[in-house]
PDB file of N, CA and C in Angstrom:
ATOM      1  N   MET A   1      52.426 116.309  79.522  1.00  0.00           N
ATOM      2  CA  MET A   1      52.690 116.303  78.570  1.00  0.00           C
ATOM      3  C   MET A   1      51.571 116.881  77.567  1.00  0.00           C
ATOM      4  N   HIS A   2      50.243 116.546  78.366  1.00  0.00           N
ATOM      5  CA  HIS A   2      49.395 116.984  77.428  1.00  0.00           C
ATOM      6  C   HIS A   2      49.277 118.423  77.492  1.00  0.00           C
ATOM      7  N   LYS A   3      49.913 119.401  78.452  1.00  0.00           N
ATOM      8  CA  LYS A   3      50.254 120.595  78.388  1.00  0.00           C
ATOM      9  C   LYS A   3      51.057 120.827  77.475  1.00  0.00           C
ATOM     10  N   ILE A   4      51.751 120.724  77.049  1.00  0.00           N
ATOM     11  CA  ILE A   4      52.389 120.679  75.852  1.00  0.00           C
ATOM     12  C   ILE A   4      52.287 120.953  74.723  1.00  0.00           C
ATOM     13  N   LEU A   5      51.195 120.202  74.569  1.00  0.00           N
ATOM     14  CA  LEU A   5      50.625 119.863  73.145  1.00  0.00           C
ATOM     15  C   LEU A   5      49.415 120.979  73.363  1.00  0.00           C
ATOM     16  N   ILE A   6      48.969 121.083  74.095  1.00  0.00           N
ATOM     17  CA  ILE A   6      47.583 122.094  74.040  1.00  0.00           C
ATOM     18  C   ILE A   6      48.547 123.658  74.000  1.00  0.00           C
ATOM     19  N   ILE A   7      49.376 123.860  74.349  1.00  0.00           N
ATOM     20  CA  ILE A   7      49.679 125.248  74.565  1.00  0.00           C
ATOM     21  C   ILE A   7      50.817 125.152  72.848  1.00  0.00           C
ATOM     22  N   ALA A   8      51.203 124.007  72.309  1.00  0.00           N
ATOM     23  CA  ALA A   8      51.744 124.051  70.949  1.00  0.00           C
ATOM     24  C   ALA A   8      50.653 124.380  70.537  1.00  0.00           C
ATOM     25  N   ALA A   9      49.560 124.093  70.229  1.00  0.00           N
ATOM     26  CA  ALA A   9      48.645 123.879  69.513  1.00  0.00           C
ATOM     27  C   ALA A   9      47.892 125.145  69.345  1.00  0.00           C
ATOM     28  N   ILE A  10      47.849 125.550  70.239  1.00  0.00           N
ATOM     29  CA  ILE A  10      47.335 127.192  70.471  1.00  0.00           C
ATOM     30  C   ILE A  10      48.520 128.092  69.525  1.00  0.00           C
ATOM     31  N   VAL A  11      49.540 127.966  70.027  1.00  0.00           N
ATOM     32  CA  VAL A  11      50.760 129.069  69.873  1.00  0.00           C
ATOM     33  C   VAL A  11      50.513 128.632  67.764  1.00  0.00           C
ATOM     34  N   LEU A  12      50.532 127.411  67.565  1.00  0.00           N
ATOM     35  CA  LEU A  12      50.408 127.061  65.983  1.00  0.00           C
ATOM     36  C   LEU A  12      49.352 127.855  65.666  1.00  0.00           C
ATOM     37  N   SER A  13      47.965 127.874  66.279  1.00  0.00           N
ATOM     38  CA  SER A  13      46.937 128.343  65.548  1.00  0.00           C
ATOM     39  C   SER A  13      46.591 129.835  65.444  1.00  0.00           C
ATOM     40  N   LEU A  14      47.543 130.354  66.710  1.00  0.00           N
ATOM     41  CA  LEU A  14      47.864 131.974  66.701  1.00  0.00           C
ATOM     42  C   LEU A  14      49.129 132.632  65.401  1.00  0.00           C
ATOM     43  N   ALA A  15      49.784 131.671  64.878  1.00  0.00           N
ATOM     44  CA  ALA A  15      50.509 132.001  64.023  1.00  0.00           C
ATOM     45  C   ALA A  15      49.978 131.925  62.752  1.00  0.00           C
ATOM     46  N   ALA A  16      48.877 131.583  62.227  1.00  0.00           N
ATOM     47  CA  ALA A  16      48.534 132.394  60.704  1.00  0.00           C
ATOM     48  C   ALA A  16      47.388 133.556  60.637  1.00  0.00           C
ATOM     49  N   CYS A  17      47.347 133.830  62.131  1.00  0.00           N
ATOM     50  CA  CYS A  17      46.523 134.585  62.184  1.00  0.00           C
ATOM     51  C   CYS A  17      46.962 136.335  62.362  1.00  0.00           C
ATOM     52  N   THR A  18      46.538 137.149  61.590  1.00  0.00           N
ATOM     53  CA  THR A  18      46.782 138.885  61.843  1.00  0.00           C
ATOM     54  C   THR A  18      47.374 139.294  63.046  1.00  0.00           C
ATOM     55  N   MET A  19      48.073 140.449  63.036  1.00  0.00           N
ATOM     56  CA  MET A  19      48.106 141.094  64.070  1.00  0.00           C
ATOM     57  C   MET A  19      46.972 141.053  65.152  1.00  0.00           C
ATOM     58  N   THR A  20      45.715 141.920  64.363  1.00  0.00           N
ATOM     59  CA  THR A  20      44.982 142.073  65.027  1.00  0.00           C
ATOM     60  C   THR A  20      43.917 140.995  65.804  1.00  0.00           C
ATOM     61  N   GLN A  21      43.850 139.868  64.780  1.00  0.00           N
ATOM     62  CA  GLN A  21      43.327 138.519  65.336  1.00  0.00           C
ATOM     63  C   GLN A  21      43.898 138.027  66.646  1.00  0.00           C
ATOM     64  N   GLN A  22      45.450 138.125  66.288  1.00  0.00           N
ATOM     65  CA  GLN A  22      46.275 137.890  67.747  1.00  0.00           C
ATOM     66  C   GLN A  22      46.281 138.522  68.976  1.00  0.00           C
ATOM     67  N   GLY A  23      45.936 139.713  68.742  1.00  0.00           N
ATOM     68  CA  GLY A  23      45.676 140.906  69.876  1.00  0.00           C
ATOM     69  C   GLY A  23      44.803 140.481  70.626  1.00  0.00           C
ATOM     70  N   ALA A  24      43.730 140.347  70.107  1.00  0.00           N
ATOM     71  CA  ALA A  24      42.324 140.196  70.211  1.00  0.00           C
ATOM     72  C   ALA A  24      42.411 138.707  71.226  1.00  0.00           C
ATOM     73  N   ALA A  25      42.838 137.910  70.513  1.00  0.00           N
ATOM     74  CA  ALA A  25      43.177 136.122  71.385  1.00  0.00           C
ATOM     75  C   ALA A  25      43.878 136.711  72.519  1.00  0.00           C
ATOM     76  N   VAL A  26      44.953 137.238  73.039  1.00  0.00           N
ATOM     77  CA  VAL A  26      45.918 137.569  73.524  1.00  0.00           C
ATOM     78  C   VAL A  26      45.137 138.255  74.587  1.00  0.00           C
ATOM     79  N   GLY A  27      44.584 139.681  74.123  1.00  0.00           N
ATOM     80  CA  GLY A  27      43.593 140.225  75.060  1.00  0.00           C
ATOM     81  C   GLY A  27      42.444 139.559  75.951  1.00  0.00           C
ATOM     82  N   ALA A  28      42.030 138.107  74.748  1.00  0.00           N
ATOM     83  CA  ALA A  28      41.054 137.734  75.857  1.00  0.00           C
ATOM     84  C   ALA A  28      41.299 136.572  76.787  1.00  0.00           C
ATOM     85  N   GLY A  29      42.202 135.917  76.646  1.00  0.00           N
ATOM     86  CA  GLY A  29      43.050 134.904  77.021  1.00  0.00           C
ATOM     87  C   GLY A  29      43.423 135.794  78.585  1.00  0.00           C
ATOM     88  N   ALA A  30      43.794 137.356  78.251  1.00  0.00           N
ATOM     89  CA  ALA A  30      44.152 138.161  79.610  1.00  0.00           C
ATOM     90  C   ALA A  30      43.088 137.978  80.516  1.00  0.00           C
ATOM     91  N   GLY A  31      42.664 139.189  79.426  1.00  0.00           N
ATOM     92  CA  GLY A  31      40.930 139.436  80.297  1.00  0.00           C
ATOM     93  C   GLY A  31      40.330 138.238  81.336  1.00  0.00           C
ATOM     94  N   ALA A  32      40.209 137.142  80.578  1.00  0.00           N
ATOM     95  CA  ALA A  32      39.271 136.289  81.078  1.00  0.00           C
ATOM     96  C   ALA A  32      39.957 135.484  82.072  1.00  0.00           C
ATOM     97  N   VAL A  33      41.669 135.489  82.574  1.00  0.00           N
ATOM     98  CA  VAL A  33      42.293 135.000  83.802  1.00  0.00           C
ATOM     99  C   VAL A  33      41.690 136.343  84.653  1.00  0.00           C
ATOM    100  N   VAL A  34      41.996 137.768  84.656  1.00  0.00           N
ATOM    101  CA  VAL A  34      42.219 138.442  85.456  1.00  0.00           C
ATOM    102  C   VAL A  34      40.532 138.656  85.897  1.00  0.00           C
ATOM    103  N   GLY A  35      39.724 138.351  84.857  1.00  0.00           N
ATOM    104  CA  GLY A  35      38.205 138.433  85.165  1.00  0.00           C
ATOM    105  C   GLY A  35      37.513 137.534  86.373  1.00  0.00           C
ATOM    106  N   ALA A  36      38.839 136.169  86.061  1.00  0.00           N
ATOM    107  CA  ALA A  36      38.006 134.957  87.071  1.00  0.00           C
ATOM    108  C   ALA A  36      38.969 135.163  88.414  1.00  0.00           C
ATOM    109  N   VAL A  37      40.304 135.889  88.123  1.00  0.00           N
ATOM    110  CA  VAL A  37      40.969 136.063  89.420  1.00  0.00           C
ATOM    111  C   VAL A  37      39.862 137.093  90.620  1.00  0.00           C
ATOM    112  N   THR A  38      39.786 138.017  90.160  1.00  0.00           N
ATOM    113  CA  THR A  38      38.802 139.087  90.600  1.00  0.00           C
ATOM    114  C   THR A  38      37.852 138.943  90.946  1.00  0.00           C
ATOM    115  N   THR A  39      36.988 138.138  90.216  1.00  0.00           N
ATOM    116  CA  THR A  39      35.636 138.154  91.069  1.00  0.00           C
ATOM    117  C   THR A  39      35.241 136.655  91.168  1.00  0.00           C
ATOM    118  N   GLY A  40      35.821 135.470  90.678  1.00  0.00           N
ATOM    119  CA  GLY A  40      35.803 134.306  90.799  1.00  0.00           C
ATOM    120  C   GLY A  40      34.444 133.845  90.123  1.00  0.00           C
ATOM    121  N   SER A  41      33.627 134.356  89.381  1.00  0.00           N
ATOM    122  CA  SER A  41      32.720 133.798  88.708  1.00  0.00           C
ATOM    123  C   SER A  41      32.770 133.780  87.075  1.00  0.00           C
ATOM    124  N   VAL A  42      32.115 132.633  86.729  1.00  0.00           N
ATOM    125  CA  VAL A  42      31.984 132.920  85.623  1.00  0.00           C
ATOM    126  C   VAL A  42      31.441 134.199  84.526  1.00  0.00           C
ATOM    127  N   VAL A  43      30.466 134.711  85.128  1.00  0.00           N
ATOM    128  CA  VAL A  43      30.614 135.832  84.903  1.00  0.00           C
ATOM    129  C   VAL A  43      31.782 136.890  84.833  1.00  0.00           C
ATOM    130  N   GLY A  44      32.139 137.678  85.713  1.00  0.00           N
ATOM    131  CA  GLY A  44      33.162 138.031  85.403  1.00  0.00           C
ATOM    132  C   GLY A  44      34.831 137.326  84.706  1.00  0.00           C
ATOM    133  N   THR A  45      34.760 136.074  84.654  1.00  0.00           N
ATOM    134  CA  THR A  45      35.193 135.418  83.117  1.00  0.00           C
ATOM    135  C   THR A  45      35.066 136.164  81.980  1.00  0.00           C
ATOM    136  N   ALA A  46      33.504 135.613  81.645  1.00  0.00           N
ATOM    137  CA  ALA A  46      33.403 136.112  80.523  1.00  0.00           C
ATOM    138  C   ALA A  46      33.224 137.493  79.734  1.00  0.00           C
ATOM    139  N   VAL A  47      33.101 138.559  81.291  1.00  0.00           N
ATOM    140  CA  VAL A  47      32.839 140.111  80.617  1.00  0.00           C
ATOM    141  C   VAL A  47      34.500 140.508  80.778  1.00  0.00           C
ATOM    142  N   GLY A  48      35.346 139.583  81.646  1.00  0.00           N
ATOM    143  CA  GLY A  48      36.979 140.093  81.201  1.00  0.00           C
ATOM    144  C   GLY A  48      37.606 139.912  79.919  1.00  0.00           C
ATOM    145  N   ALA A  49      37.168 138.348  79.429  1.00  0.00           N
ATOM    146  CA  ALA A  49      37.443 137.916  78.456  1.00  0.00           C
ATOM    147  C   ALA A  49      36.861 138.761  77.281  1.00  0.00           C
ATOM    148  N   GLY A  50      35.779 139.450  76.899  1.00  0.00           N
ATOM    149  CA  GLY A  50      35.384 139.863  76.347  1.00  0.00           C
ATOM    150  C   GLY A  50      35.855 141.711  76.169  1.00  0.00           C
ATOM    151  N   ILE A  51      36.195 142.190  77.348  1.00  0.00           N
ATOM    152  CA  ILE A  51      36.536 143.852  77.363  1.00  0.00           C
ATOM    153  C   ILE A  51      38.080 143.220  76.984  1.00  0.00           C
ATOM    154  N   GLY A  52      38.655 142.252  77.065  1.00  0.00           N
ATOM    155  CA  GLY A  52      40.779 142.193  77.094  1.00  0.00           C
ATOM    156  C   GLY A  52      40.198 141.943  75.690  1.00  0.00           C
ATOM    157  N   GLY A  53      39.230 141.340  75.025  1.00  0.00           N
ATOM    158  CA  GLY A  53      39.438 140.901  73.462  1.00  0.00           C
ATOM    159  C   GLY A  53      39.366 141.951  72.442  1.00  0.00           C
ATOM    160  N   VAL A  54      38.599 142.783  73.053  1.00  0.00           N
ATOM    161  CA  VAL A  54      37.994 144.834  72.323  1.00  0.00           C
ATOM    162  C   VAL A  54      39.291 145.566  72.378  1.00  0.00           C
ATOM    163  N   VAL A  55      39.797 145.653  73.666  1.00  0.00           N
ATOM    164  CA  VAL A  55      41.127 146.121  73.980  1.00  0.00           C
ATOM    165  C   VAL A  55      42.365 145.583  73.214  1.00  0.00           C
ATOM    166  N   GLY A  56      42.416 144.245  73.464  1.00  0.00           N
ATOM    167  CA  GLY A  56      43.236 143.922  72.520  1.00  0.00           C
ATOM    168  C   GLY A  56      43.509 143.727  70.781  1.00  0.00           C
ATOM    169  N   ALA A  57      42.502 143.681  70.389  1.00  0.00           N
ATOM    170  CA  ALA A  57      42.213 143.950  68.764  1.00  0.00           C
ATOM    171  C   ALA A  57      42.597 145.525  68.550  1.00  0.00           C
ATOM    172  N   ALA A  58      41.686 146.250  69.076  1.00  0.00           N
ATOM    173  CA  ALA A  58      42.454 147.448  69.115  1.00  0.00           C
ATOM    174  C   ALA A  58      43.613 148.042  69.513  1.00  0.00           C
ATOM    175  N   ALA A  59      43.984 147.801  70.538  1.00  0.00           N
ATOM    176  CA  ALA A  59      45.644 147.692  70.410  1.00  0.00           C
ATOM    177  C   ALA A  59      46.323 147.153  69.225  1.00  0.00           C
ATOM    178  N   SER A  60      46.503 146.087  69.171  1.00  0.00           N
ATOM    179  CA  SER A  60      47.161 145.059  67.982  1.00  0.00           C
ATOM    180  C   SER A  60      46.660 145.999  66.831  1.00  0.00           C
ATOM    181  N   ASN A  61      45.372 146.516  66.508  1.00  0.00           N
ATOM    182  CA  ASN A  61      45.455 147.289  65.043  1.00  0.00           C
ATOM    183  C   ASN A  61      46.132 148.641  65.201  1.00  0.00           C
ATOM    184  N   LEU A  62      46.569 149.031  66.151  1.00  0.00           N
ATOM    185  CA  LEU A  62      46.905 150.672  66.346  1.00  0.00           C
ATOM    186  C   LEU A  62      48.527 150.733  66.038  1.00  0.00           C
ATOM    187  N   LEU A  63      49.264 149.441  67.094  1.00  0.00           N
ATOM    188  CA  LEU A  63      50.670 149.609  66.924  1.00  0.00           C
ATOM    189  C   LEU A  63      51.480 149.080  66.260  1.00  0.00           C
ATOM    190  N   GLY A  64      52.360 149.068  65.126  1.00  0.00           N
ATOM    191  CA  GLY A  64      52.835 148.811  64.352  1.00  0.00           C
ATOM    192  C   GLY A  64      52.867 149.117  63.078  1.00  0.00           C
ATOM    193  N   LYS A  65      51.398 150.185  63.222  1.00  0.00           N
ATOM    194  CA  LYS A  65      51.082 150.685  61.954  1.00  0.00           C
ATOM    195  C   LYS A  65      52.110 152.283  61.756  1.00  0.00           C
ATOM    196  N   ARG A  66      52.465 152.398  60.251  1.00  0.00           N
ATOM    197  CA  ARG A  66      52.929 153.761  60.000  1.00  0.00           C
ATOM    198  C   ARG A  66      52.590 154.961  60.168  1.00  0.00           C
ATOM    199  N   ALA A  67      52.875 155.720  60.539  1.00  0.00           N
ATOM    200  CA  ALA A  67      52.277 157.544  61.229  1.00  0.00           C
ATOM    201  C   ALA A  67      51.856 157.937  59.199  1.00  0.00           C
ATOM    202  N   GLY A  68      50.765 158.111  59.420  1.00  0.00           N
ATOM    203  CA  GLY A  68      50.223 158.971  58.082  1.00  0.00           C
ATOM    204  C   GLY A  68      49.713 157.917  56.983  1.00  0.00           C
ATOM    205  N   TYR A  69      49.854 156.889  57.164  1.00  0.00           N
ATOM    206  CA  TYR A  69      49.814 155.499  56.113  1.00  0.00           C
ATOM    207  C   TYR A  69      48.666 154.732  56.550  1.00  0.00           C
ATOM    208  N   PHE A  70      47.701 154.379  56.154  1.00  0.00           N
ATOM    209  CA  PHE A  70      46.655 153.095  56.282  1.00  0.00           C
ATOM    210  C   PHE A  70      47.041 151.772  55.886  1.00  0.00           C
ATOM    211  N   ASP A  71      47.588 151.914  54.904  1.00  0.00           N
ATOM    212  CA  ASP A  71      48.490 150.508  54.877  1.00  0.00           C
ATOM    213  C   ASP A  71      49.421 149.992  54.777  1.00  0.00           C
ATOM    214  N   GLN A  72      49.860 150.701  55.711  1.00  0.00           N
ATOM    215  CA  GLN A  72      52.129 150.777  55.618  1.00  0.00           C
ATOM    216  C   GLN A  72      52.025 149.723  57.224  1.00  0.00           C
ATOM    217  N   CYS A  73      52.578 148.603  57.611  1.00  0.00           N
ATOM    218  CA  CYS A  73      52.816 148.524  58.910  1.00  0.00           C
ATOM    219  C   CYS A  73      54.519 148.570  59.111  1.00  0.00           C
ATOM    220  N   VAL A  74      54.967 148.700  60.390  1.00  0.00           N
ATOM    221  CA  VAL A  74      56.358 148.702  60.899  1.00  0.00           C
ATOM    222  C   VAL A  74      56.828 146.839  60.547  1.00  0.00           C
ATOM    223  N   TYR A  75      57.788 146.448  60.572  1.00  0.00           N
ATOM    224  CA  TYR A  75      58.082 145.001  60.614  1.00  0.00           C
ATOM    225  C   TYR A  75      59.792 145.329  61.217  1.00  0.00           C
ATOM    226  N   GLN A  76      60.290 144.125  61.955  1.00  0.00           N
ATOM    227  CA  GLN A  76      61.569 144.430  62.542  1.00  0.00           C
ATOM    228  C   GLN A  76      62.058 142.825  61.767  1.00  0.00           C
ATOM    229  N   ARG A  77      63.103 143.205  61.453  1.00  0.00           N
ATOM    230  CA  ARG A  77      64.190 141.778  61.333  1.00  0.00           C
ATOM    231  C   ARG A  77      64.746 141.058  62.140  1.00  0.00           C
ATOM    232  N   ALA A  78      65.057 139.880  62.313  1.00  0.00           N
ATOM    233  CA  ALA A  78      65.945 139.239  63.336  1.00  0.00           C
ATOM    234  C   ALA A  78      67.519 140.360  63.198  1.00  0.00           C
ATOM    235  N   ASN A  79      67.747 140.605  62.646  1.00  0.00           N
ATOM    236  CA  ASN A  79      68.834 141.620  63.036  1.00  0.00           C
ATOM    237  C   ASN A  79      68.533 142.786  63.825  1.00  0.00           C
ATOM    238  N   GLY A  80      67.244 143.180  63.598  1.00  0.00           N
ATOM    239  CA  GLY A  80      66.852 144.644  64.777  1.00  0.00           C
ATOM    240  C   GLY A  80      66.520 145.633  63.896  1.00  0.00           C
ATOM    241  N   SER A  81      67.044 145.385  62.052  1.00  0.00           N
ATOM    242  CA  SER A  81      66.072 146.712  61.355  1.00  0.00           C
ATOM    243  C   SER A  81      65.093 146.921  61.360  1.00  0.00           C
ATOM    244  N   ARG A  82      64.743 147.828  60.934  1.00  0.00           N
ATOM    245  CA  ARG A  82      62.992 147.854  60.712  1.00  0.00           C
ATOM    246  C   ARG A  82      63.029 148.411  59.451  1.00  0.00           C
ATOM    247  N   TYR A  83      61.942 148.172  58.791  1.00  0.00           N
ATOM    248  CA  TYR A  83      61.348 148.282  57.385  1.00  0.00           C
ATOM    249  C   TYR A  83      60.001 148.507  57.269  1.00  0.00           C
ATOM    250  N   TYR A  84      59.073 149.202  56.373  1.00  0.00           N
ATOM    251  CA  TYR A  84      58.036 149.391  56.192  1.00  0.00           C
ATOM    252  C   TYR A  84      57.158 148.725  54.854  1.00  0.00           C
ATOM    253  N   ASP A  85      56.178 148.276  54.642  1.00  0.00           N
ATOM    254  CA  ASP A  85      55.422 147.063  53.911  1.00  0.00           C
ATOM    255  C   ASP A  85      54.072 147.157  54.244  1.00  0.00           C
ATOM    256  N   THR A  86      53.141 146.668  53.245  1.00  0.00           N
ATOM    257  CA  THR A  86      51.923 146.724  53.050  1.00  0.00           C
ATOM    258  C   THR A  86      51.676 146.086  54.508  1.00  0.00           C
ATOM    259  N   CYS A  87      50.667 146.003  54.970  1.00  0.00           N
ATOM    260  CA  CYS A  87      49.907 145.372  55.993  1.00  0.00           C
ATOM    261  C   CYS A  87      49.367 144.035  55.389  1.00  0.00           C
ATOM    262  N   PRO A  88      49.280 143.157  56.091  1.00  0.00           N
ATOM    263  CA  PRO A  88      48.730 142.241  55.673  1.00  0.00           C
ATOM    264  C   PRO A  88      46.871 142.172  55.636  1.00  0.00           C
ATOM    265  N   LYS A  89      45.676 141.537  54.826  1.00  0.00           N
ATOM    266  CA  LYS A  89      44.841 141.504  54.588  1.00  0.00           C
ATOM    267  C   LYS A  89      44.388 140.917  56.143  1.00  0.00           C
ATOM    268  N   GLY A  90      43.238 141.462  56.560  1.00  0.00           N
ATOM    269  CA  GLY A  90      42.169 140.814  57.416  1.00  0.00           C
ATOM    270  C   GLY A  90      42.061 141.537  58.887  1.00  0.00           C
TER     271      GLY A  90
END
């Protein structure tokens, strides 16, 4: 039961973040897991989290942007149609 509550708290906390912040969090988590598995040390986990956070933030900052517009993002509706709108601040 505790695991479900922890996962729910993490998911809900990411819901209020911008795409860049979400990408950084997901990248840091994935990097930490990869670093821990490959090195088996705390230092490897920290380095993996740092690298994953930077790569995740950079990737999510670029993905979903409208080409030629610095403040326009691509969004997708539940029915699959896409539209352009101003990117969230942050």
